[in-house]
PDB file of N, CA and C in Angstrom:
ATOM      1  N   MET A   1      -8.622  12.412   1.929  1.00  0.00           N
ATOM      2  CA  MET A   1      -7.656  13.341   1.478  1.00  0.00           C
ATOM      3  C   MET A   1      -8.658  14.829   1.403  1.00  0.00           C
ATOM      4  N   GLU A   2      -8.097  16.063   1.772  1.00  0.00           N
ATOM      5  CA  GLU A   2      -8.908  16.917   1.166  1.00  0.00           C
ATOM      6  C   GLU A   2      -8.331  17.555   0.110  1.00  0.00           C
ATOM      7  N   ASN A   3      -9.405  18.010  -1.015  1.00  0.00           N
ATOM      8  CA  ASN A   3      -9.325  18.686  -2.551  1.00  0.00           C
ATOM      9  C   ASN A   3      -8.737  19.926  -2.467  1.00  0.00           C
ATOM     10  N   LEU A   4      -7.672  20.178  -2.519  1.00  0.00           N
ATOM     11  CA  LEU A   4      -7.167  21.420  -2.712  1.00  0.00           C
ATOM     12  C   LEU A   4      -7.130  21.874  -4.138  1.00  0.00           C
ATOM     13  N   THR A   5      -7.364  21.407  -5.071  1.00  0.00           N
ATOM     14  CA  THR A   5      -7.526  22.183  -6.223  1.00  0.00           C
ATOM     15  C   THR A   5      -8.213  22.897  -6.711  1.00  0.00           C
ATOM     16  N   ASN A   6      -8.250  24.208  -7.248  1.00  0.00           N
ATOM     17  CA  ASN A   6      -8.294  25.331  -7.479  1.00  0.00           C
ATOM     18  C   ASN A   6      -7.915  26.258  -6.104  1.00  0.00           C
ATOM     19  N   GLN A   7      -7.107  25.706  -5.280  1.00  0.00           N
ATOM     20  CA  GLN A   7      -6.596  26.701  -4.143  1.00  0.00           C
ATOM     21  C   GLN A   7      -5.313  27.206  -4.425  1.00  0.00           C
ATOM     22  N   VAL A   8      -5.298  28.540  -3.448  1.00  0.00           N
ATOM     23  CA  VAL A   8      -3.943  28.970  -3.636  1.00  0.00           C
ATOM     24  C   VAL A   8      -3.211  28.159  -2.341  1.00  0.00           C
ATOM     25  N   LEU A   9      -1.721  27.786  -2.731  1.00  0.00           N
ATOM     26  CA  LEU A   9      -1.066  27.709  -1.532  1.00  0.00           C
ATOM     27  C   LEU A   9       0.360  28.219  -1.776  1.00  0.00           C
ATOM     28  N   GLU A  10       0.742  28.785  -0.115  1.00  0.00           N
ATOM     29  CA  GLU A  10       2.017  29.372  -0.147  1.00  0.00           C
ATOM     30  C   GLU A  10       3.084  28.742   0.697  1.00  0.00           C
ATOM     31  N   LEU A  11       4.295  28.931  -0.326  1.00  0.00           N
ATOM     32  CA  LEU A  11       5.658  28.669   0.091  1.00  0.00           C
ATOM     33  C   LEU A  11       6.124  29.420   1.489  1.00  0.00           C
ATOM     34  N   ARG A  12       7.202  29.056   2.219  1.00  0.00           N
ATOM     35  CA  ARG A  12       7.510  29.631   3.459  1.00  0.00           C
ATOM     36  C   ARG A  12       8.371  30.640   2.807  1.00  0.00           C
ATOM     37  N   ASP A  13       8.994  30.478   1.348  1.00  0.00           N
ATOM     38  CA  ASP A  13       9.391  31.868   0.756  1.00  0.00           C
ATOM     39  C   ASP A  13       8.348  32.481   0.116  1.00  0.00           C
ATOM     40  N   GLY A  14       7.527  32.810   0.382  1.00  0.00           N
ATOM     41  CA  GLY A  14       6.206  33.703   0.140  1.00  0.00           C
ATOM     42  C   GLY A  14       5.789  33.258  -1.517  1.00  0.00           C
ATOM     43  N   LYS A  15       6.285  32.570  -2.099  1.00  0.00           N
ATOM     44  CA  LYS A  15       5.776  32.380  -3.604  1.00  0.00           C
ATOM     45  C   LYS A  15       4.555  31.376  -3.657  1.00  0.00           C
ATOM     46  N   LYS A  16       3.418  31.873  -4.441  1.00  0.00           N
ATOM     47  CA  LYS A  16       2.018  31.424  -4.254  1.00  0.00           C
ATOM     48  C   LYS A  16       1.939  30.373  -5.412  1.00  0.00           C
ATOM     49  N   TYR A  17       1.444  29.495  -5.195  1.00  0.00           N
ATOM     50  CA  TYR A  17       0.840  28.532  -6.421  1.00  0.00           C
ATOM     51  C   TYR A  17      -0.805  28.510  -6.319  1.00  0.00           C
ATOM     52  N   PHE A  18      -1.017  28.040  -7.536  1.00  0.00           N
ATOM     53  CA  PHE A  18      -2.569  27.469  -7.731  1.00  0.00           C
ATOM     54  C   PHE A  18      -2.297  26.428  -8.010  1.00  0.00           C
ATOM     55  N   VAL A  19      -2.800  25.366  -7.537  1.00  0.00           N
ATOM     56  CA  VAL A  19      -3.517  23.875  -7.502  1.00  0.00           C
ATOM     57  C   VAL A  19      -4.103  23.428  -8.505  1.00  0.00           C
ATOM     58  N   LEU A  20      -3.389  23.059  -9.751  1.00  0.00           N
ATOM     59  CA  LEU A  20      -4.528  22.102 -10.769  1.00  0.00           C
ATOM     60  C   LEU A  20      -4.509  21.289 -11.143  1.00  0.00           C
ATOM     61  N   ARG A  21      -3.811  20.076 -10.225  1.00  0.00           N
ATOM     62  CA  ARG A  21      -4.431  18.797  -9.861  1.00  0.00           C
ATOM     63  C   ARG A  21      -3.655  18.845  -8.685  1.00  0.00           C
ATOM     64  N   GLN A  22      -4.384  17.589  -8.294  1.00  0.00           N
ATOM     65  CA  GLN A  22      -3.997  16.508  -6.854  1.00  0.00           C
ATOM     66  C   GLN A  22      -3.988  15.058  -7.034  1.00  0.00           C
ATOM     67  N   ALA A  23      -3.107  14.498  -6.618  1.00  0.00           N
ATOM     68  CA  ALA A  23      -3.244  13.266  -6.818  1.00  0.00           C
ATOM     69  C   ALA A  23      -2.701  12.252  -5.319  1.00  0.00           C
ATOM     70  N   ALA A  24      -2.548  11.288  -5.197  1.00  0.00           N
ATOM     71  CA  ALA A  24      -2.139  10.338  -4.002  1.00  0.00           C
ATOM     72  C   ALA A  24      -1.171   9.634  -4.736  1.00  0.00           C
ATOM     73  N   TYR A  25       0.095   9.553  -4.157  1.00  0.00           N
ATOM     74  CA  TYR A  25       1.232   8.534  -4.234  1.00  0.00           C
ATOM     75  C   TYR A  25       1.777   8.104  -3.154  1.00  0.00           C
ATOM     76  N   LYS A  26       1.959   6.374  -2.786  1.00  0.00           N
ATOM     77  CA  LYS A  26       2.559   5.836  -1.882  1.00  0.00           C
ATOM     78  C   LYS A  26       1.941   6.603  -0.462  1.00  0.00           C
ATOM     79  N   GLY A  27       0.672   6.771   0.175  1.00  0.00           N
ATOM     80  CA  GLY A  27      -0.104   7.763   1.081  1.00  0.00           C
ATOM     81  C   GLY A  27       0.706   9.076   1.069  1.00  0.00           C
ATOM     82  N   GLY A  28       1.545   9.642  -0.065  1.00  0.00           N
ATOM     83  CA  GLY A  28       1.153  10.910   0.070  1.00  0.00           C
ATOM     84  C   GLY A  28       0.670  11.873  -0.753  1.00  0.00           C
ATOM     85  N   SER A  29       0.475  13.064  -0.377  1.00  0.00           N
ATOM     86  CA  SER A  29      -0.714  13.854  -1.157  1.00  0.00           C
ATOM     87  C   SER A  29       0.612  15.034  -2.122  1.00  0.00           C
ATOM     88  N   TYR A  30       0.088  14.959  -3.219  1.00  0.00           N
ATOM     89  CA  TYR A  30       0.917  15.854  -4.296  1.00  0.00           C
ATOM     90  C   TYR A  30       0.111  16.675  -5.188  1.00  0.00           C
ATOM     91  N   PHE A  31       0.511  17.767  -5.557  1.00  0.00           N
ATOM     92  CA  PHE A  31      -0.185  18.616  -6.491  1.00  0.00           C
ATOM     93  C   PHE A  31       0.576  19.118  -7.451  1.00  0.00           C
ATOM     94  N   LEU A  32      -0.032  19.487  -8.427  1.00  0.00           N
ATOM     95  CA  LEU A  32       0.920  20.123  -9.614  1.00  0.00           C
ATOM     96  C   LEU A  32      -0.057  21.665  -9.918  1.00  0.00           C
ATOM     97  N   ALA A  33       0.942  22.246 -10.225  1.00  0.00           N
ATOM     98  CA  ALA A  33       0.852  23.760  -9.825  1.00  0.00           C
ATOM     99  C   ALA A  33       1.333  25.084 -10.351  1.00  0.00           C
ATOM    100  N   ALA A  34       0.947  25.816 -10.301  1.00  0.00           N
ATOM    101  CA  ALA A  34       1.237  27.094 -11.366  1.00  0.00           C
ATOM    102  C   ALA A  34       1.639  28.362 -10.522  1.00  0.00           C
ATOM    103  N   GLU A  35       2.752  29.120 -10.346  1.00  0.00           N
ATOM    104  CA  GLU A  35       2.927  30.036  -9.862  1.00  0.00           C
ATOM    105  C   GLU A  35       2.267  31.135 -10.313  1.00  0.00           C
ATOM    106  N   VAL A  36       1.602  32.040  -9.307  1.00  0.00           N
ATOM    107  CA  VAL A  36       0.740  32.831  -9.359  1.00  0.00           C
ATOM    108  C   VAL A  36       1.903  34.353  -9.286  1.00  0.00           C
ATOM    109  N   THR A  37       1.393  35.495 -10.096  1.00  0.00           N
ATOM    110  CA  THR A  37       2.355  36.054 -10.159  1.00  0.00           C
ATOM    111  C   THR A  37       2.064  37.435  -8.604  1.00  0.00           C
ATOM    112  N   PRO A  38       2.978  37.830  -8.388  1.00  0.00           N
ATOM    113  CA  PRO A  38       2.790  38.762  -7.408  1.00  0.00           C
ATOM    114  C   PRO A  38       1.806  39.387  -6.502  1.00  0.00           C
ATOM    115  N   ASP A  39       1.098  40.110  -7.838  1.00  0.00           N
ATOM    116  CA  ASP A  39       0.075  40.780  -7.835  1.00  0.00           C
ATOM    117  C   ASP A  39      -1.354  39.793  -7.431  1.00  0.00           C
ATOM    118  N   GLY A  40      -1.476  38.602  -7.650  1.00  0.00           N
ATOM    119  CA  GLY A  40      -2.596  37.244  -7.834  1.00  0.00           C
ATOM    120  C   GLY A  40      -3.047  37.492  -8.549  1.00  0.00           C
ATOM    121  N   GLU A  41      -3.258  38.195  -9.805  1.00  0.00           N
ATOM    122  CA  GLU A  41      -3.923  38.439 -10.841  1.00  0.00           C
ATOM    123  C   GLU A  41      -3.794  37.445 -12.222  1.00  0.00           C
ATOM    124  N   ASP A  42      -2.500  36.687 -12.085  1.00  0.00           N
ATOM    125  CA  ASP A  42      -2.182  35.878 -13.255  1.00  0.00           C
ATOM    126  C   ASP A  42      -1.535  34.812 -12.874  1.00  0.00           C
ATOM    127  N   PHE A  43      -1.145  33.931 -13.694  1.00  0.00           N
ATOM    128  CA  PHE A  43      -0.103  32.783 -13.137  1.00  0.00           C
ATOM    129  C   PHE A  43       0.913  33.070 -14.044  1.00  0.00           C
ATOM    130  N   THR A  44       2.705  32.697 -14.079  1.00  0.00           N
ATOM    131  CA  THR A  44       3.484  32.885 -14.548  1.00  0.00           C
ATOM    132  C   THR A  44       3.427  31.627 -15.530  1.00  0.00           C
ATOM    133  N   ASN A  45       4.957  31.161 -16.216  1.00  0.00           N
ATOM    134  CA  ASN A  45       4.896  30.248 -16.873  1.00  0.00           C
ATOM    135  C   ASN A  45       5.630  29.257 -16.219  1.00  0.00           C
ATOM    136  N   ASN A  46       5.576  29.279 -14.602  1.00  0.00           N
ATOM    137  CA  ASN A  46       6.649  28.216 -13.720  1.00  0.00           C
ATOM    138  C   ASN A  46       5.555  27.173 -13.283  1.00  0.00           C
ATOM    139  N   PHE A  47       5.735  25.930 -13.348  1.00  0.00           N
ATOM    140  CA  PHE A  47       4.669  24.817 -13.431  1.00  0.00           C
ATOM    141  C   PHE A  47       5.740  24.299 -11.904  1.00  0.00           C
ATOM    142  N   ILE A  48       5.327  23.453 -10.905  1.00  0.00           N
ATOM    143  CA  ILE A  48       5.641  22.469 -10.014  1.00  0.00           C
ATOM    144  C   ILE A  48       4.969  21.982  -9.419  1.00  0.00           C
ATOM    145  N   PHE A  49       5.594  20.900  -9.123  1.00  0.00           N
ATOM    146  CA  PHE A  49       4.867  19.889  -7.908  1.00  0.00           C
ATOM    147  C   PHE A  49       5.446  20.088  -6.738  1.00  0.00           C
ATOM    148  N   LEU A  50       4.329  20.003  -5.849  1.00  0.00           N
ATOM    149  CA  LEU A  50       4.253  20.291  -4.527  1.00  0.00           C
ATOM    150  C   LEU A  50       4.073  18.852  -3.689  1.00  0.00           C
ATOM    151  N   GLU A  51       4.378  18.953  -2.154  1.00  0.00           N
ATOM    152  CA  GLU A  51       4.071  17.979  -1.280  1.00  0.00           C
ATOM    153  C   GLU A  51       3.604  18.116  -0.573  1.00  0.00           C
ATOM    154  N   LYS A  52       2.224  17.678   0.284  1.00  0.00           N
ATOM    155  CA  LYS A  52       1.985  17.921   1.436  1.00  0.00           C
ATOM    156  C   LYS A  52       2.727  17.331   2.707  1.00  0.00           C
ATOM    157  N   VAL A  53       3.086  18.249   3.644  1.00  0.00           N
ATOM    158  CA  VAL A  53       4.153  17.697   4.879  1.00  0.00           C
ATOM    159  C   VAL A  53       2.723  18.342   5.916  1.00  0.00           C
ATOM    160  N   VAL A  54       2.517  17.045   6.452  1.00  0.00           N
ATOM    161  CA  VAL A  54       1.808  17.169   7.853  1.00  0.00           C
ATOM    162  C   VAL A  54       2.554  17.705   9.147  1.00  0.00           C
ATOM    163  N   GLY A  55       1.554  18.378   9.615  1.00  0.00           N
ATOM    164  CA  GLY A  55       2.871  18.680  10.897  1.00  0.00           C
ATOM    165  C   GLY A  55       1.893  19.648  11.920  1.00  0.00           C
ATOM    166  N   GLU A  56       2.570  20.233  13.004  1.00  0.00           N
ATOM    167  CA  GLU A  56       1.967  21.041  13.773  1.00  0.00           C
ATOM    168  C   GLU A  56       2.819  22.556  13.936  1.00  0.00           C
ATOM    169  N   ASN A  57       1.518  23.139  14.022  1.00  0.00           N
ATOM    170  CA  ASN A  57       1.919  24.824  13.908  1.00  0.00           C
ATOM    171  C   ASN A  57       1.312  25.383  14.941  1.00  0.00           C
ATOM    172  N   ASP A  58       2.047  25.858  16.206  1.00  0.00           N
ATOM    173  CA  ASP A  58       1.680  26.255  17.494  1.00  0.00           C
ATOM    174  C   ASP A  58       0.657  25.585  18.164  1.00  0.00           C
ATOM    175  N   GLY A  59       0.744  23.963  18.108  1.00  0.00           N
ATOM    176  CA  GLY A  59      -0.148  23.377  18.544  1.00  0.00           C
ATOM    177  C   GLY A  59      -1.299  23.024  18.153  1.00  0.00           C
ATOM    178  N   ASN A  60      -1.650  23.724  16.958  1.00  0.00           N
ATOM    179  CA  ASN A  60      -2.666  23.311  16.152  1.00  0.00           C
ATOM    180  C   ASN A  60      -2.424  22.529  14.819  1.00  0.00           C
ATOM    181  N   ALA A  61      -3.194  21.428  14.618  1.00  0.00           N
ATOM    182  CA  ALA A  61      -2.883  20.428  13.486  1.00  0.00           C
ATOM    183  C   ALA A  61      -2.816  21.106  12.228  1.00  0.00           C
ATOM    184  N   GLY A  62      -1.741  21.323  11.471  1.00  0.00           N
ATOM    185  CA  GLY A  62      -2.046  21.743  10.294  1.00  0.00           C
ATOM    186  C   GLY A  62      -0.908  21.218   9.246  1.00  0.00           C
ATOM    187  N   PHE A  63      -0.914  21.604   8.081  1.00  0.00           N
ATOM    188  CA  PHE A  63      -0.183  21.200   6.974  1.00  0.00           C
ATOM    189  C   PHE A  63       0.863  22.400   6.178  1.00  0.00           C
ATOM    190  N   ALA A  64       1.894  22.122   5.801  1.00  0.00           N
ATOM    191  CA  ALA A  64       2.910  22.971   4.656  1.00  0.00           C
ATOM    192  C   ALA A  64       2.496  22.195   3.454  1.00  0.00           C
ATOM    193  N   VAL A  65       3.508  22.937   2.751  1.00  0.00           N
ATOM    194  CA  VAL A  65       3.618  22.313   1.433  1.00  0.00           C
ATOM    195  C   VAL A  65       5.313  22.741   0.910  1.00  0.00           C
ATOM    196  N   LYS A  66       5.864  21.517   0.286  1.00  0.00           N
ATOM    197  CA  LYS A  66       7.751  21.694  -0.292  1.00  0.00           C
ATOM    198  C   LYS A  66       7.242  21.330  -1.694  1.00  0.00           C
ATOM    199  N   GLU A  67       8.436  21.796  -2.150  1.00  0.00           N
ATOM    200  CA  GLU A  67       8.846  21.282  -3.315  1.00  0.00           C
ATOM    201  C   GLU A  67       8.962  20.058  -3.555  1.00  0.00           C
ATOM    202  N   VAL A  68       8.652  19.037  -4.904  1.00  0.00           N
ATOM    203  CA  VAL A  68       9.122  17.877  -5.106  1.00  0.00           C
ATOM    204  C   VAL A  68      10.389  17.947  -5.476  1.00  0.00           C
ATOM    205  N   LYS A  69      11.579  17.439  -4.732  1.00  0.00           N
ATOM    206  CA  LYS A  69      12.968  17.068  -5.497  1.00  0.00           C
ATOM    207  C   LYS A  69      13.162  15.848  -5.928  1.00  0.00           C
ATOM    208  N   ASP A  70      12.856  14.607  -5.152  1.00  0.00           N
ATOM    209  CA  ASP A  70      12.910  13.186  -5.467  1.00  0.00           C
ATOM    210  C   ASP A  70      12.517  12.828  -7.266  1.00  0.00           C
ATOM    211  N   PRO A  71      13.413  12.402  -7.878  1.00  0.00           N
ATOM    212  CA  PRO A  71      13.614  12.340  -9.268  1.00  0.00           C
ATOM    213  C   PRO A  71      12.456  11.367  -9.781  1.00  0.00           C
ATOM    214  N   VAL A  72      12.314  10.403  -8.939  1.00  0.00           N
ATOM    215  CA  VAL A  72      11.441   9.266  -8.712  1.00  0.00           C
ATOM    216  C   VAL A  72      10.011   9.283  -8.656  1.00  0.00           C
ATOM    217  N   ILE A  73      10.297  10.426  -7.711  1.00  0.00           N
ATOM    218  CA  ILE A  73       8.333  10.816  -7.657  1.00  0.00           C
ATOM    219  C   ILE A  73       8.188  11.725  -9.014  1.00  0.00           C
ATOM    220  N   LEU A  74       9.128  12.745  -9.234  1.00  0.00           N
ATOM    221  CA  LEU A  74       8.828  13.462 -10.038  1.00  0.00           C
ATOM    222  C   LEU A  74       8.172  12.846 -11.436  1.00  0.00           C
ATOM    223  N   ASP A  75       9.370  12.029 -11.766  1.00  0.00           N
ATOM    224  CA  ASP A  75       8.726  10.923 -12.659  1.00  0.00           C
ATOM    225  C   ASP A  75       7.418  10.369 -12.816  1.00  0.00           C
ATOM    226  N   VAL A  76       6.979   9.564 -11.916  1.00  0.00           N
ATOM    227  CA  VAL A  76       5.645   9.225 -11.794  1.00  0.00           C
ATOM    228  C   VAL A  76       4.733  10.217 -11.702  1.00  0.00           C
ATOM    229  N   LEU A  77       5.141  11.622 -10.796  1.00  0.00           N
ATOM    230  CA  LEU A  77       3.921  12.237 -11.324  1.00  0.00           C
ATOM    231  C   LEU A  77       3.584  13.105 -12.524  1.00  0.00           C
ATOM    232  N   ALA A  78       5.033  13.201 -13.032  1.00  0.00           N
ATOM    233  CA  ALA A  78       4.635  13.520 -14.720  1.00  0.00           C
ATOM    234  C   ALA A  78       4.306  12.812 -15.264  1.00  0.00           C
ATOM    235  N   LYS A  79       3.999  11.666 -15.360  1.00  0.00           N
ATOM    236  CA  LYS A  79       3.496  10.507 -16.629  1.00  0.00           C
ATOM    237  C   LYS A  79       2.195  10.388 -16.211  1.00  0.00           C
ATOM    238  N   ASN A  80       1.861  10.740 -14.822  1.00  0.00           N
ATOM    239  CA  ASN A  80      -0.057  10.225 -14.108  1.00  0.00           C
ATOM    240  C   ASN A  80      -0.625  11.335 -14.178  1.00  0.00           C
ATOM    241  N   ILE A  81       0.419  12.570 -13.959  1.00  0.00           N
ATOM    242  CA  ILE A  81      -1.188  13.748 -13.528  1.00  0.00           C
ATOM    243  C   ILE A  81      -0.993  14.536 -15.304  1.00  0.00           C
ATOM    244  N   LYS A  82      -2.137  14.488 -15.513  1.00  0.00           N
ATOM    245  CA  LYS A  82      -2.571  15.074 -17.006  1.00  0.00           C
ATOM    246  C   LYS A  82      -3.309  16.501 -17.003  1.00  0.00           C
ATOM    247  N   LEU A  83      -3.280  17.613 -17.443  1.00  0.00           N
ATOM    248  CA  LEU A  83      -4.134  18.398 -17.803  1.00  0.00           C
ATOM    249  C   LEU A  83      -4.856  18.109 -18.880  1.00  0.00           C
ATOM    250  N   ASP A  84      -5.933  18.703 -18.613  1.00  0.00           N
ATOM    251  CA  ASP A  84      -6.935  18.075 -19.651  1.00  0.00           C
ATOM    252  C   ASP A  84      -6.840  19.296 -21.088  1.00  0.00           C
TER     253      ASP A  84
END
């Protein structure tokens, strides 16, 4: 699993998130991330759990991220991913 901590990931809607923590759960990769302001200079107060989605982009292997919405997975992540 590639470590994406301290990287900025962008969702399809254009919102950007800074990865604070990364975890594996049941074969998936998940991230706790903070939304980045539009100017890219700071964080907002919006935190989100993201899931890595592996797929194909124009014939090249790649990945995307999507917001985690499954309440069971959110509960597990919230209980196990801690900020120092």
